[in-house]
N, C-alpha and C. Protein backbone atom coordinates (compact mmCIF):
# COMPACT_ATOMS: atom_id res chain seq x y z
N UNK A 1 106.15 81.47 101.94
CA UNK A 1 104.75 81.49 103.06
C UNK A 1 103.84 80.57 102.52
N UNK A 2 103.29 80.15 103.64
CA UNK A 2 102.16 79.28 103.77
C UNK A 2 101.27 80.00 103.17
N UNK A 3 100.13 79.63 102.03
CA UNK A 3 99.44 80.04 101.81
C UNK A 3 98.07 80.07 102.77
N UNK A 4 97.57 79.11 103.64
CA UNK A 4 96.81 79.22 104.59
C UNK A 4 96.91 80.67 105.42
N UNK A 5 98.01 81.40 105.58
CA UNK A 5 97.88 82.45 106.43
C UNK A 5 97.31 83.40 105.59
N UNK A 6 97.02 83.50 104.35
CA UNK A 6 96.21 84.06 103.29
C UNK A 6 94.64 84.17 103.38
N UNK A 7 94.36 83.07 103.87
CA UNK A 7 93.41 82.53 103.74
C UNK A 7 92.35 83.59 104.97
N UNK A 8 91.02 84.05 104.05
CA UNK A 8 90.46 84.85 105.35
C UNK A 8 89.23 84.09 105.76
N UNK A 9 88.73 84.46 106.93
CA UNK A 9 87.23 84.24 107.60
C UNK A 9 86.60 84.79 106.85
N UNK A 10 85.10 84.16 107.07
CA UNK A 10 84.00 84.95 106.75
C UNK A 10 83.66 85.74 107.66
N UNK A 11 83.83 85.98 108.51
CA UNK A 11 82.96 86.61 109.97
C UNK A 11 84.19 87.19 110.79
N UNK A 12 84.25 87.84 111.82
CA UNK A 12 85.32 88.22 112.90
C UNK A 12 84.14 88.49 113.70
N UNK A 13 84.78 88.61 115.36
CA UNK A 13 83.95 89.23 116.17
C UNK A 13 84.38 90.65 116.63
N UNK A 14 83.47 91.31 116.56
CA UNK A 14 83.75 93.29 117.19
C UNK A 14 83.50 93.49 118.83
N UNK A 15 84.52 93.24 119.17
CA UNK A 15 84.03 93.40 120.74
C UNK A 15 84.37 95.27 121.10
N UNK A 16 83.00 95.32 121.54
CA UNK A 16 82.72 96.82 121.43
C UNK A 16 83.43 97.97 122.77
N UNK A 17 84.04 98.76 122.52
CA UNK A 17 84.75 99.35 123.47
C UNK A 17 83.80 100.53 123.68
N UNK A 18 84.12 100.77 125.42
CA UNK A 18 82.91 101.89 126.31
C UNK A 18 83.83 103.09 125.72
N UNK A 19 83.15 104.16 124.59
CA UNK A 19 83.76 105.13 123.95
C UNK A 19 84.04 106.21 125.80
N UNK A 20 83.95 106.33 126.53
CA UNK A 20 84.39 107.00 127.46
C UNK A 20 85.73 106.37 128.34
N UNK A 21 85.50 105.42 128.32
CA UNK A 21 87.11 104.55 128.90
C UNK A 21 87.61 104.09 128.17
N UNK A 22 87.35 103.72 126.92
CA UNK A 22 88.09 102.93 126.21
C UNK A 22 88.07 101.22 126.46
N UNK A 23 87.39 100.68 127.47
CA UNK A 23 87.30 99.54 127.71
C UNK A 23 86.75 98.39 127.41
N UNK A 24 87.06 97.41 126.74
CA UNK A 24 86.10 96.63 126.50
C UNK A 24 84.87 96.26 126.97
N UNK A 25 83.47 96.01 126.39
CA UNK A 25 82.65 96.05 127.20
C UNK A 25 82.32 94.21 126.78
N UNK A 26 81.31 94.09 127.33
CA UNK A 26 80.66 92.38 127.21
C UNK A 26 80.15 92.20 125.63
N UNK A 27 79.58 93.28 125.04
CA UNK A 27 79.11 93.54 123.77
C UNK A 27 80.08 92.92 122.84
N UNK A 28 79.78 91.81 121.93
CA UNK A 28 80.47 91.17 120.73
C UNK A 28 79.69 91.43 119.80
N UNK A 29 79.82 91.78 118.65
CA UNK A 29 78.84 91.61 117.25
C UNK A 29 79.75 90.84 116.77
N UNK A 30 79.41 89.73 115.52
CA UNK A 30 79.73 88.91 114.66
C UNK A 30 79.88 89.78 113.24
N UNK A 31 80.79 90.07 112.59
CA UNK A 31 80.15 90.31 111.51
C UNK A 31 80.88 89.73 110.18
N UNK A 32 80.55 89.90 109.04
CA UNK A 32 80.84 89.54 108.23
C UNK A 32 82.09 90.35 107.32
N UNK A 33 83.18 90.15 106.49
CA UNK A 33 84.30 90.75 105.91
C UNK A 33 83.90 91.05 104.69
N UNK A 34 84.71 91.93 103.98
CA UNK A 34 84.24 92.53 102.53
C UNK A 34 84.74 91.44 101.93
N UNK A 35 85.60 90.17 102.10
CA UNK A 35 85.77 89.17 101.35
C UNK A 35 84.84 87.74 101.44
N UNK A 36 83.63 88.31 102.14
CA UNK A 36 82.50 87.33 102.15
C UNK A 36 81.60 87.39 101.01
N UNK A 37 81.01 86.19 100.44
CA UNK A 37 79.86 86.48 99.80
C UNK A 37 78.67 87.29 100.52
N UNK A 38 78.39 87.29 101.50
CA UNK A 38 77.30 88.28 102.64
C UNK A 38 77.90 89.54 101.96
N UNK A 39 79.15 90.09 101.95
CA UNK A 39 79.29 91.45 102.07
C UNK A 39 78.72 92.02 100.52
N UNK A 40 78.99 90.88 99.74
CA UNK A 40 79.16 91.13 97.81
C UNK A 40 77.98 91.40 98.06
N UNK A 41 76.88 90.78 98.32
CA UNK A 41 75.04 90.77 98.51
C UNK A 41 75.05 91.85 98.76
N UNK A 42 75.63 92.40 99.85
CA UNK A 42 74.62 93.40 100.75
C UNK A 42 75.13 94.66 100.36
N UNK A 43 76.46 94.54 99.44
CA UNK A 43 76.76 95.85 98.93
C UNK A 43 76.25 96.35 97.46
N UNK A 44 75.58 94.91 97.13
CA UNK A 44 75.11 95.45 95.57
C UNK A 44 73.40 95.95 96.08
N UNK A 45 72.79 95.29 97.36
CA UNK A 45 71.97 95.86 97.85
C UNK A 45 71.80 97.47 98.40
N UNK A 46 72.89 97.41 99.01
CA UNK A 46 73.52 99.00 99.55
C UNK A 46 73.10 100.01 98.35
N UNK A 47 73.66 99.57 96.82
CA UNK A 47 73.79 100.58 96.01
C UNK A 47 72.62 100.94 95.47
N UNK A 48 71.56 100.31 96.21
CA UNK A 48 70.05 100.67 95.53
C UNK A 48 69.42 101.68 96.79
N UNK A 49 70.23 102.12 97.61
CA UNK A 49 69.48 102.12 98.98
C UNK A 49 70.43 103.36 99.55
N UNK A 50 70.22 104.50 100.39
CA UNK A 50 71.02 105.21 101.10
C UNK A 50 70.85 104.59 102.63
N UNK A 51 70.48 103.61 103.09
CA UNK A 51 70.67 103.59 104.49
C UNK A 51 71.87 102.79 105.21
N UNK A 52 72.69 103.66 105.31
CA UNK A 52 73.99 102.65 105.68
C UNK A 52 73.59 101.46 107.01
N UNK A 53 72.98 102.24 107.78
CA UNK A 53 72.57 101.35 108.84
C UNK A 53 72.03 99.74 108.35
N UNK A 54 71.26 99.95 107.60
CA UNK A 54 70.76 98.60 106.97
C UNK A 54 71.71 97.67 106.08
N UNK A 55 72.84 98.41 105.57
CA UNK A 55 74.12 97.64 104.84
C UNK A 55 74.63 96.89 106.40
N UNK A 56 75.17 97.84 107.33
CA UNK A 56 75.53 97.08 108.65
C UNK A 56 74.87 95.91 109.03
N UNK A 57 73.67 96.20 109.22
CA UNK A 57 72.54 95.20 109.41
C UNK A 57 72.68 93.98 108.73
N UNK A 58 73.05 93.91 107.70
CA UNK A 58 73.11 92.95 106.84
C UNK A 58 74.27 92.43 106.71
N UNK A 59 75.44 93.02 107.26
CA UNK A 59 76.60 92.20 107.62
C UNK A 59 76.60 91.62 109.10
N UNK A 60 75.86 92.03 109.98
CA UNK A 60 75.66 91.36 110.93
C UNK A 60 75.27 90.15 111.33
N UNK A 61 75.80 89.26 111.66
CA UNK A 61 75.11 87.54 112.08
C UNK A 61 74.54 86.95 112.98
N UNK A 62 75.17 87.93 114.03
CA UNK A 62 74.89 87.75 115.58
C UNK A 62 75.65 88.65 116.50
N UNK A 63 74.91 88.74 117.80
CA UNK A 63 75.77 89.62 118.93
C UNK A 63 75.30 89.04 120.02
N UNK A 64 76.23 89.05 120.93
CA UNK A 64 76.02 88.76 122.45
C UNK A 64 76.15 90.19 123.70
N UNK A 65 75.71 90.00 124.19
CA UNK A 65 75.72 90.94 125.68
C UNK A 65 75.02 92.58 125.18
N UNK A 66 73.95 92.33 124.60
CA UNK A 66 73.45 93.64 123.88
C UNK A 66 72.30 93.31 124.85
N UNK A 67 72.02 94.90 125.32
CA UNK A 67 70.83 94.65 126.24
C UNK A 67 70.26 96.29 125.82
N UNK A 68 68.84 96.41 126.21
CA UNK A 68 68.21 97.65 126.33
C UNK A 68 67.32 97.48 127.83
N UNK A 69 67.50 98.52 128.21
CA UNK A 69 66.68 98.94 129.89
C UNK A 69 67.02 97.50 130.32
N UNK A 70 68.00 97.02 130.79
CA UNK A 70 68.26 95.63 131.49
C UNK A 70 67.90 94.61 131.16
N UNK A 71 67.31 94.61 130.04
CA UNK A 71 66.70 93.02 128.96
C UNK A 71 67.90 92.73 128.09
N UNK A 72 68.09 91.52 127.81
CA UNK A 72 68.56 90.93 126.88
C UNK A 72 67.90 91.71 125.57
N UNK A 73 68.48 92.17 124.10
CA UNK A 73 68.13 92.04 123.19
C UNK A 73 68.20 91.15 122.25
N UNK A 74 67.17 90.61 121.69
CA UNK A 74 67.24 89.74 121.05
C UNK A 74 68.03 90.23 119.31
N UNK A 75 69.04 89.27 118.97
CA UNK A 75 69.61 89.85 117.73
C UNK A 75 68.39 89.32 116.30
N UNK A 76 68.05 90.66 115.62
CA UNK A 76 67.25 90.41 114.72
C UNK A 76 67.48 91.99 113.51
N UNK A 77 67.43 91.62 112.36
CA UNK A 77 67.90 92.52 111.30
C UNK A 77 67.51 93.85 111.96
N UNK A 78 66.32 93.66 112.31
CA UNK A 78 65.24 95.27 112.49
C UNK A 78 66.00 95.57 113.79
N UNK A 79 66.50 94.78 114.80
CA UNK A 79 67.17 95.49 116.04
C UNK A 79 68.42 96.30 115.74
N UNK A 80 69.22 95.38 114.47
CA UNK A 80 70.64 95.84 114.51
C UNK A 80 70.45 96.80 114.04
N UNK A 81 69.33 97.24 112.87
CA UNK A 81 69.40 98.44 112.09
C UNK A 81 69.02 99.37 112.95
N UNK A 82 67.88 99.36 114.39
CA UNK A 82 67.46 100.50 114.88
C UNK A 82 69.20 100.56 116.08
N UNK A 83 69.50 99.70 116.61
CA UNK A 83 70.80 99.77 117.43
C UNK A 83 71.91 100.75 116.43
N UNK A 84 72.22 100.59 115.18
CA UNK A 84 73.04 101.30 114.69
C UNK A 84 72.63 102.67 114.14
N UNK A 85 71.40 103.00 114.21
CA UNK A 85 70.80 104.15 114.01
C UNK A 85 70.86 105.33 115.11
N UNK A 86 70.77 104.23 116.31
CA UNK A 86 70.30 104.99 117.71
C UNK A 86 71.90 104.92 118.37
N UNK A 87 72.91 104.30 117.81
CA UNK A 87 74.04 104.26 119.07
C UNK A 87 75.11 104.67 118.28
N UNK A 88 75.54 105.56 117.63
CA UNK A 88 76.60 105.78 116.74
C UNK A 88 78.11 105.54 117.36
N UNK A 89 78.46 105.38 118.34
CA UNK A 89 79.41 104.71 119.05
C UNK A 89 79.80 103.37 118.66
N UNK A 90 78.21 102.60 118.51
CA UNK A 90 78.42 101.03 118.13
C UNK A 90 78.52 101.08 116.89
N UNK A 91 77.54 102.01 116.17
CA UNK A 91 77.42 101.79 114.34
C UNK A 91 79.33 101.98 114.17
N UNK A 92 79.84 103.07 114.07
CA UNK A 92 81.22 103.35 114.12
C UNK A 92 82.71 102.39 114.05
N UNK A 93 82.13 101.62 115.71
CA UNK A 93 82.86 100.68 116.00
C UNK A 93 82.85 99.56 114.98
N UNK A 94 81.84 99.01 114.72
CA UNK A 94 81.28 97.92 113.69
C UNK A 94 81.85 98.09 112.17
N UNK A 95 81.87 99.50 112.03
CA UNK A 95 82.13 99.62 110.50
C UNK A 95 83.76 100.09 110.51
N UNK A 96 84.81 99.92 111.64
CA UNK A 96 85.76 99.99 111.72
C UNK A 96 86.05 98.56 111.44
N UNK A 97 85.67 97.64 112.02
CA UNK A 97 85.93 96.02 112.38
C UNK A 97 86.02 95.90 110.99
N UNK A 98 85.11 96.17 110.30
CA UNK A 98 84.54 95.50 108.90
C UNK A 98 85.87 95.81 107.96
N UNK A 99 85.70 96.96 108.27
CA UNK A 99 86.65 97.49 107.16
C UNK A 99 88.24 97.63 107.30
N UNK A 100 88.45 97.06 108.54
CA UNK A 100 89.93 96.44 108.78
C UNK A 100 90.20 95.03 108.69
N UNK A 101 90.52 94.49 107.43
CA UNK A 101 90.65 93.21 106.80
C UNK A 101 91.72 92.06 108.03
N UNK A 102 92.33 92.72 108.81
CA UNK A 102 93.30 92.08 109.53
C UNK A 102 92.23 91.80 110.59
N UNK A 103 91.20 91.78 110.91
CA UNK A 103 90.14 91.05 111.73
C UNK A 103 89.73 89.72 110.73
N UNK A 104 90.07 89.77 109.77
CA UNK A 104 89.27 88.31 108.74
C UNK A 104 90.41 87.21 108.66
N UNK A 105 91.77 87.68 108.84
CA UNK A 105 92.91 86.85 108.86
C UNK A 105 92.95 85.93 110.03
N UNK A 106 93.80 84.65 109.69
CA UNK A 106 94.10 84.19 110.85
C UNK A 106 95.11 84.68 111.68
N UNK A 107 95.06 84.62 112.89
CA UNK A 107 95.84 85.24 114.13
C UNK A 107 97.17 84.71 114.34
N UNK A 108 98.42 85.48 113.83
CA UNK A 108 99.78 85.30 113.97
C UNK A 108 100.31 85.71 114.79
């Protein structure tokens, strides 16, 4: 087996699905995976707090297509925490994306 197939990427794109229809939305959230240094740093930081939304925000590096009240919502750590706290459907999907290590391997 070619070892390059076992090399992970630092980040993956999480395409958010509409929880009602199951269809992809235009929201794409880029997150760090469990094999990244950013994940290890965030995990150490999270062990000192009980704010899971902050942990997810620490692993989020960018987003696209996110709007609030018809206006683009700028990616910031604070906005990410707010989105993860206020919209469980997004929080759950991002959590699952980070937890699925297949998302961080080369496509086959």
